[in-house]
Protein backbone atom coordinates (compact mmCIF):
# COMPACT_ATOMS: atom_id res chain seq x y z
CA UNK A 1 123.78 145.22 177.43
CA UNK A 2 122.32 146.23 180.77
CA UNK A 3 122.22 143.66 183.57
CA UNK A 4 119.40 143.82 186.09
CA UNK A 5 119.06 142.12 189.46
CA UNK A 6 116.55 139.28 189.45
CA UNK A 7 114.11 140.18 192.20
CA UNK A 8 115.57 139.95 195.69
CA UNK A 9 118.20 137.46 194.58
CA UNK A 10 121.85 138.33 194.02
CA UNK A 11 121.61 137.11 190.43
CA UNK A 12 122.03 139.57 187.57
CA UNK A 13 120.46 138.82 184.21
CA UNK A 14 120.64 140.57 180.87
CA UNK A 15 117.81 142.99 180.02
CA UNK A 16 117.16 140.89 176.93
CA UNK A 17 117.20 137.09 177.06
CA UNK A 18 116.68 134.40 174.45
CA UNK A 19 113.56 132.26 174.41
CA UNK A 20 113.92 128.87 172.77
CA UNK A 21 110.35 127.86 171.95
CA UNK A 22 111.47 127.86 168.30
CA UNK A 23 114.09 125.19 169.01
CA UNK A 24 112.96 121.82 167.64
CA UNK A 25 109.63 122.67 166.06
CA UNK A 26 107.90 119.39 166.88
CA UNK A 27 104.14 118.81 167.16
CA UNK A 28 102.10 121.91 167.96
CA UNK A 29 105.31 123.91 168.34
CA UNK A 30 106.16 123.53 164.64
CA UNK A 31 104.28 126.76 163.91
CA UNK A 32 106.62 128.76 166.17
CA UNK A 33 109.78 127.73 164.32
CA UNK A 34 112.02 124.78 163.53
CA UNK A 35 115.45 125.80 164.78
CA UNK A 36 117.97 122.97 164.58
CA UNK A 37 121.24 122.58 166.52
CA UNK A 38 123.41 124.37 163.98
CA UNK A 39 121.05 127.36 163.79
CA UNK A 40 120.71 127.36 167.58
CA UNK A 41 124.50 127.62 167.91
CA UNK A 42 124.55 130.65 165.62
CA UNK A 43 121.70 132.31 167.50
CA UNK A 44 123.38 131.67 170.85
CA UNK A 45 126.64 133.11 169.52
CA UNK A 46 124.82 136.26 168.36
CA UNK A 47 123.17 136.59 171.76
CA UNK A 48 126.35 136.12 173.73
CA UNK A 49 128.14 138.63 171.51
CA UNK A 50 125.34 141.10 172.36
CA UNK A 51 125.78 140.38 176.07
CA UNK A 52 122.82 138.08 176.72
CA UNK A 53 123.46 135.70 179.60
CA UNK A 54 119.99 134.13 180.14
CA UNK A 55 118.45 131.42 177.95
CA UNK A 56 114.86 130.37 178.64
CA UNK A 57 113.20 127.09 177.70
CA UNK A 58 110.61 124.61 179.06
CA UNK A 59 110.29 120.85 179.15
CA UNK A 60 107.04 120.97 177.18
CA UNK A 61 108.55 122.85 174.22
CA UNK A 62 108.60 120.31 171.38
CA UNK A 63 108.26 117.53 173.94
CA UNK A 64 111.71 118.15 175.43
CA UNK A 65 113.53 118.69 172.14
CA UNK A 66 114.02 122.40 172.84
CA UNK A 67 115.93 121.56 176.03
CA UNK A 68 118.01 118.96 174.19
CA UNK A 69 118.96 121.39 171.44
CA UNK A 70 119.76 124.16 173.91
CA UNK A 71 122.00 121.84 175.93
CA UNK A 72 123.83 120.58 172.86
CA UNK A 73 124.18 124.02 171.29
CA UNK A 74 125.60 125.56 174.47
CA UNK A 75 128.15 122.82 174.89
CA UNK A 76 131.17 123.97 176.92
CA UNK A 77 129.67 127.46 177.23
CA UNK A 78 126.98 126.14 179.55
CA UNK A 79 128.70 127.34 182.75
CA UNK A 80 129.21 130.82 181.29
CA UNK A 81 125.46 131.45 180.98
CA UNK A 82 122.21 131.01 182.90
CA UNK A 83 119.57 128.45 181.95
CA UNK A 84 115.92 128.88 182.89
CA UNK A 85 113.42 126.12 182.28
CA UNK A 86 109.91 125.25 183.42
CA UNK A 87 107.73 122.32 184.47
CA UNK A 88 104.02 121.74 185.07
CA UNK A 89 102.44 120.63 181.79
CA UNK A 90 102.02 116.93 180.92
CA UNK A 91 105.16 115.20 179.68
CA UNK A 92 103.81 111.65 179.73
CA UNK A 93 100.54 109.73 179.63
CA UNK A 94 98.64 108.95 182.79
CA UNK A 95 97.11 110.90 185.67
CA UNK A 96 100.49 111.89 187.14
CA UNK A 97 102.19 112.94 183.91
CA UNK A 98 101.71 116.65 184.65
CA UNK A 99 100.92 119.10 187.43
CA UNK A 100 102.96 120.41 190.35
CA UNK A 101 102.89 117.35 192.61
CA UNK A 102 106.12 116.26 194.26
CA UNK A 103 105.99 113.18 192.05
CA UNK A 104 105.88 115.17 188.84
CA UNK A 105 108.18 118.06 189.79
CA UNK A 106 111.05 115.80 190.90
CA UNK A 107 110.73 113.59 187.83
CA UNK A 108 110.46 116.60 185.54
CA UNK A 109 113.58 118.22 186.99
CA UNK A 110 115.65 115.06 186.60
CA UNK A 111 114.50 114.71 183.00
CA UNK A 112 115.30 118.36 182.22
CA UNK A 113 118.78 118.05 183.71
CA UNK A 114 119.44 115.07 181.47
CA UNK A 115 118.12 116.76 178.33
CA UNK A 116 120.03 119.96 179.04
CA UNK A 117 123.19 117.96 179.78
CA UNK A 118 123.86 119.91 182.96
CA UNK A 119 124.08 119.23 186.68
CA UNK A 120 121.98 122.23 187.69
CA UNK A 121 119.22 124.57 186.50
CA UNK A 122 119.76 128.24 187.30
CA UNK A 123 116.08 129.23 187.36
CA UNK A 124 113.41 126.53 187.68
CA UNK A 125 109.92 127.87 187.07
CA UNK A 126 106.44 126.51 187.67
CA UNK A 127 104.96 126.95 184.21
CA UNK A 128 101.36 127.39 185.34
CA UNK A 129 99.19 127.27 188.47
CA UNK A 130 98.06 123.89 189.80
CA UNK A 131 94.96 124.38 191.93
CA UNK A 132 94.74 120.73 192.95
CA UNK A 133 98.15 120.13 194.47
CA UNK A 134 98.71 121.63 197.95
CA UNK A 135 101.30 124.40 197.76
CA UNK A 136 103.08 122.84 200.75
CA UNK A 137 103.77 119.76 198.63
CA UNK A 138 105.01 121.73 195.62
CA UNK A 139 107.18 124.17 197.55
CA UNK A 140 108.75 121.46 199.72
CA UNK A 141 109.74 119.61 196.55
CA UNK A 142 111.26 122.80 195.10
CA UNK A 143 113.05 123.48 198.37
CA UNK A 144 114.55 119.99 198.26
CA UNK A 145 115.76 120.58 194.70
CA UNK A 146 117.50 123.78 195.79
CA UNK A 147 119.00 122.09 198.87
CA UNK A 148 120.35 119.29 196.68
CA UNK A 149 122.06 121.76 194.33
CA UNK A 150 120.05 120.70 191.30
CA UNK A 151 118.26 124.05 191.18
CA UNK A 152 119.70 127.47 192.06
CA UNK A 153 116.59 129.70 192.06
CA UNK A 154 112.84 129.20 191.76
CA UNK A 155 110.34 131.22 189.72
CA UNK A 156 106.66 131.23 188.80
CA UNK A 157 104.89 131.75 185.48
CA UNK A 158 101.33 132.61 184.47
CA UNK A 159 100.07 132.88 188.06
CA UNK A 160 97.36 135.31 189.11
CA UNK A 161 98.17 137.85 191.82
CA UNK A 162 96.41 135.87 194.55
CA UNK A 163 98.20 132.72 193.42
CA UNK A 164 101.49 134.60 193.74
CA UNK A 165 100.72 135.93 197.19
CA UNK A 166 99.51 132.57 198.46
CA UNK A 167 102.69 130.93 197.16
CA UNK A 168 104.92 133.55 198.76
CA UNK A 169 102.98 133.28 202.02
CA UNK A 170 103.38 129.52 202.23
CA UNK A 171 107.08 129.64 201.36
CA UNK A 172 107.72 132.33 203.96
CA UNK A 173 105.70 130.57 206.66
CA UNK A 174 107.71 127.36 206.28
CA UNK A 175 111.06 129.03 205.55
CA UNK A 176 111.26 127.21 202.23
CA UNK A 177 112.86 128.60 199.10
CA UNK A 178 111.10 131.81 198.07
CA UNK A 179 110.37 132.38 194.37
CA UNK A 180 112.46 135.25 193.02
CA UNK A 181 110.61 135.94 189.77
CA UNK A 182 107.51 135.60 187.69
CA UNK A 183 107.39 135.11 183.92
CA UNK A 184 104.36 136.80 182.37
CA UNK A 185 102.81 138.06 179.17
CA UNK A 186 102.98 141.85 178.98
CA UNK A 187 102.96 144.07 175.89
CA UNK A 188 101.60 147.33 174.55
CA UNK A 189 98.67 145.29 173.21
CA UNK A 190 98.04 143.38 176.47
CA UNK A 191 98.65 145.47 179.56
CA UNK A 192 96.47 143.51 182.01
CA UNK A 193 99.55 142.70 184.09
CA UNK A 194 99.59 146.32 185.25
CA UNK A 195 96.44 145.82 187.34
CA UNK A 196 97.97 143.43 189.88
CA UNK A 197 100.92 141.36 188.66
CA UNK A 198 103.34 144.27 188.30
CA UNK A 199 102.29 145.94 191.58
CA UNK A 200 102.81 142.60 193.36
CA UNK A 201 106.29 142.35 191.87
CA UNK A 202 107.01 145.91 192.96
CA UNK A 203 105.77 145.24 196.50
CA UNK A 204 107.24 141.77 196.99
CA UNK A 205 110.53 142.24 195.16
CA UNK A 206 109.88 139.74 192.38
CA UNK A 207 111.79 139.91 189.13
CA UNK A 208 109.67 140.07 185.97
CA UNK A 209 110.50 138.12 182.81
CA UNK A 210 108.27 138.91 179.82
CA UNK A 211 107.31 136.23 177.31
CA UNK A 212 106.10 136.89 173.75
CA UNK A 213 106.92 140.61 173.97
CA UNK A 214 105.84 141.22 170.37
CA UNK A 215 102.50 139.47 170.93
CA UNK A 216 103.36 136.72 168.50
CA UNK A 217 104.26 139.26 165.81
CA UNK A 218 101.25 141.56 166.22
CA UNK A 219 103.53 144.41 167.29
CA UNK A 220 106.24 143.83 164.71
CA UNK A 221 104.70 146.28 162.26
CA UNK A 222 103.74 143.71 159.65
CA UNK A 223 100.06 143.77 160.60
CA UNK A 224 98.59 147.08 159.40
CA UNK A 225 95.13 148.55 159.13
CA UNK A 226 93.40 148.03 155.76
CA UNK A 227 96.36 146.08 154.40
CA UNK A 228 96.54 142.40 153.42
CA UNK A 229 97.97 140.18 156.13
CA UNK A 230 101.41 138.71 155.46
CA UNK A 231 101.21 135.42 153.59
CA UNK A 232 101.11 132.36 155.82
CA UNK A 233 100.09 134.22 158.99
CA UNK A 234 97.03 133.68 161.16
CA UNK A 235 93.92 135.81 160.92
CA UNK A 236 93.54 138.07 163.93
CA UNK A 237 90.32 136.29 164.92
CA UNK A 238 92.35 133.09 165.31
CA UNK A 239 94.84 134.62 167.73
CA UNK A 240 94.86 132.91 171.10
CA UNK A 241 98.05 134.17 172.75
CA UNK A 242 97.15 136.95 173.21
CA UNK A 243 93.51 137.21 172.14
CA UNK A 244 92.72 140.26 170.03
CA UNK A 245 89.64 141.77 171.69
CA UNK A 246 89.83 145.20 170.07
CA UNK A 247 91.21 145.09 166.54
CA UNK A 248 90.83 148.84 166.02
CA UNK A 249 92.86 149.65 169.15
CA UNK A 250 95.55 147.20 168.07
CA UNK A 251 95.92 149.05 164.79
CA UNK A 252 96.01 152.38 166.64
CA UNK A 253 98.94 151.07 168.68
CA UNK A 254 100.73 149.76 165.59
CA UNK A 255 100.26 153.10 163.82
CA UNK A 256 102.08 154.90 166.63
CA UNK A 257 104.79 152.23 166.77
CA UNK A 258 105.42 152.48 163.04
CA UNK A 259 105.45 156.29 163.17
CA UNK A 260 108.02 156.41 165.97
CA UNK A 261 110.10 153.68 164.32
CA UNK A 262 110.10 155.47 160.96
CA UNK A 263 111.25 158.71 162.57
CA UNK A 264 114.15 156.87 164.18
CA UNK A 265 114.97 154.66 161.20
CA UNK A 266 114.45 151.45 163.16
CA UNK A 267 111.86 148.67 163.21
CA UNK A 268 108.51 148.77 165.00
CA UNK A 269 109.60 145.61 166.82
CA UNK A 270 112.55 147.45 168.35
CA UNK A 271 110.26 150.22 169.61
CA UNK A 272 107.88 147.64 171.13
CA UNK A 273 110.74 145.99 172.97
CA UNK A 274 112.24 149.32 174.04
CA UNK A 275 108.90 150.29 175.62
CA UNK A 276 109.02 147.16 177.79
CA UNK A 277 112.67 147.75 178.67
CA UNK A 278 111.73 151.22 179.91
CA UNK A 279 109.54 149.72 182.65
CA UNK A 280 111.50 149.72 185.96
CA UNK A 281 109.79 146.56 187.23
CA UNK A 282 110.69 144.52 184.11
CA UNK A 283 113.89 142.54 184.62
CA UNK A 284 114.32 140.84 181.26
CA UNK A 285 112.43 140.70 177.99
CA UNK A 286 112.54 137.27 176.36
CA UNK A 287 112.99 137.50 172.60
CA UNK A 288 112.73 134.62 170.19
CA UNK A 289 113.17 134.48 166.44
CA UNK A 290 112.56 132.16 163.54
CA UNK A 291 115.52 133.65 161.66
CA UNK A 292 118.86 135.25 162.44
CA UNK A 293 117.67 138.42 160.72
CA UNK A 294 114.79 138.76 163.19
CA UNK A 295 117.08 138.03 166.11
CA UNK A 296 119.66 140.63 165.07
CA UNK A 297 116.88 143.20 164.70
CA UNK A 298 115.42 142.42 168.14
CA UNK A 299 118.82 142.59 169.84
CA UNK A 300 119.22 146.19 168.69
CA UNK A 301 116.32 147.18 170.97
CA UNK A 302 118.76 147.16 173.88
CA UNK A 303 120.43 150.23 172.36
CA UNK A 304 117.24 152.34 172.24
CA UNK A 305 116.16 154.79 174.93
CA UNK A 306 112.73 156.22 174.19
CA UNK A 307 112.11 159.90 174.85
CA UNK A 308 109.50 161.10 177.32
CA UNK A 309 107.31 162.21 174.41
CA UNK A 310 107.60 158.83 172.68
CA UNK A 311 106.75 156.99 175.88
CA UNK A 312 103.75 159.23 176.47
CA UNK A 313 102.41 158.58 172.96
CA UNK A 314 102.76 154.84 173.39
CA UNK A 315 101.28 154.87 176.89
CA UNK A 316 98.26 156.91 175.86
CA UNK A 317 97.36 154.90 172.76
CA UNK A 318 97.60 151.58 174.64
CA UNK A 319 96.32 152.54 178.10
CA UNK A 320 93.69 150.11 179.47
CA UNK A 321 90.66 151.35 181.45
CA UNK A 322 91.08 151.66 185.20
CA UNK A 323 88.88 148.84 186.53
CA UNK A 324 87.34 148.45 190.00
CA UNK A 325 88.55 148.78 192.74
CA UNK A 326 91.32 150.91 191.25
CA UNK A 327 89.15 153.70 189.86
CA UNK A 328 87.58 153.97 193.31
CA UNK A 329 91.00 154.07 194.94
CA UNK A 330 92.06 156.78 192.52
CA UNK A 331 89.02 158.85 193.49
CA UNK A 332 89.03 158.31 197.26
CA UNK A 333 92.41 156.98 198.46
CA UNK A 334 94.97 158.99 196.49
CA UNK A 335 96.36 160.50 199.69
CA UNK A 336 97.48 157.14 201.08
CA UNK A 337 98.76 155.02 198.19
CA UNK A 338 102.04 153.12 198.27
CA UNK A 339 104.66 153.09 195.55
CA UNK A 340 103.28 149.73 194.41
CA UNK A 341 99.75 151.19 194.23
CA UNK A 342 100.99 154.18 192.29
CA UNK A 343 102.79 151.99 189.76
CA UNK A 344 99.29 151.43 188.35
CA UNK A 345 97.26 154.44 189.46
CA UNK A 346 99.68 157.39 189.10
CA UNK A 347 99.16 157.93 185.34
CA UNK A 348 95.39 158.11 185.85
CA UNK A 349 95.74 160.61 188.67
CA UNK A 350 97.72 162.90 186.38
CA UNK A 351 95.00 162.73 183.74
CA UNK A 352 92.33 163.72 186.29
CA UNK A 353 94.13 166.88 187.41
């Protein structure tokens, strides 16, 4: 297992990490999986044997049950691994039950510490943007949590690029704790993060954690063109995370994935994960599984290095259009682009030569 530095922090995390949204399976999270404590222990053991040192959860997953199961399943191994959790979404009734106010963040952290049965959280992430709470209030609360020792590092999740930059600007201006990472959705099927989120990470030294790297199963190889969908799965029109805007292009991507996987004798899921792991700006890819069989298969992705030809095939079939102002920059500013700019624009410049 490769270990990568998390942004500008001194922390090293495994290239693959385990997501625990499947732990608990209560309420709306029942559809993601129903992993109990015993199964969670086995999954954690498999992950640790493979070299994984980061386990990601959130207070909202199954109403806190995911955190409880993770804490119980880790047991004495807790101090040998890193725990990442998140707060922002409502955890109680009333007008102050959610958000990023000082009131909610401090209460949420205390509750997570109790559920996880730990005295500190290694990476505490804002789960979503809160446009109503002043950033000064949120960041001061996070800074206090770090100063108190209850939180080691701070991260962001599902922010836009301007949200990220505003947050970093406020933290720097006040000399408060600076976020070290962002957790985002990024796959072969949904490459929107390449427009701004990845260049921002490149420029500002933010680590990148990727959630739902198989697009909820879309890139696992079980959804094929002109073939019946697997029994018990959602119709593509019902997909919300991520939305399927171009069904034909999705199938084009899957065709290439399956072809490369077949030639190597591995699963399409492993090729999907290996493509993400090939991205220099990606720190860790968060895998989750309903079964041990799926987990074992996903873990093998860490052993795959895609060839230049394989990467080119995957990049070409999934490449998004270059939107404004980037197509204009490619045409008129190519002589003065930074490394962060080129992380998006360089492939398009090569095509235009």
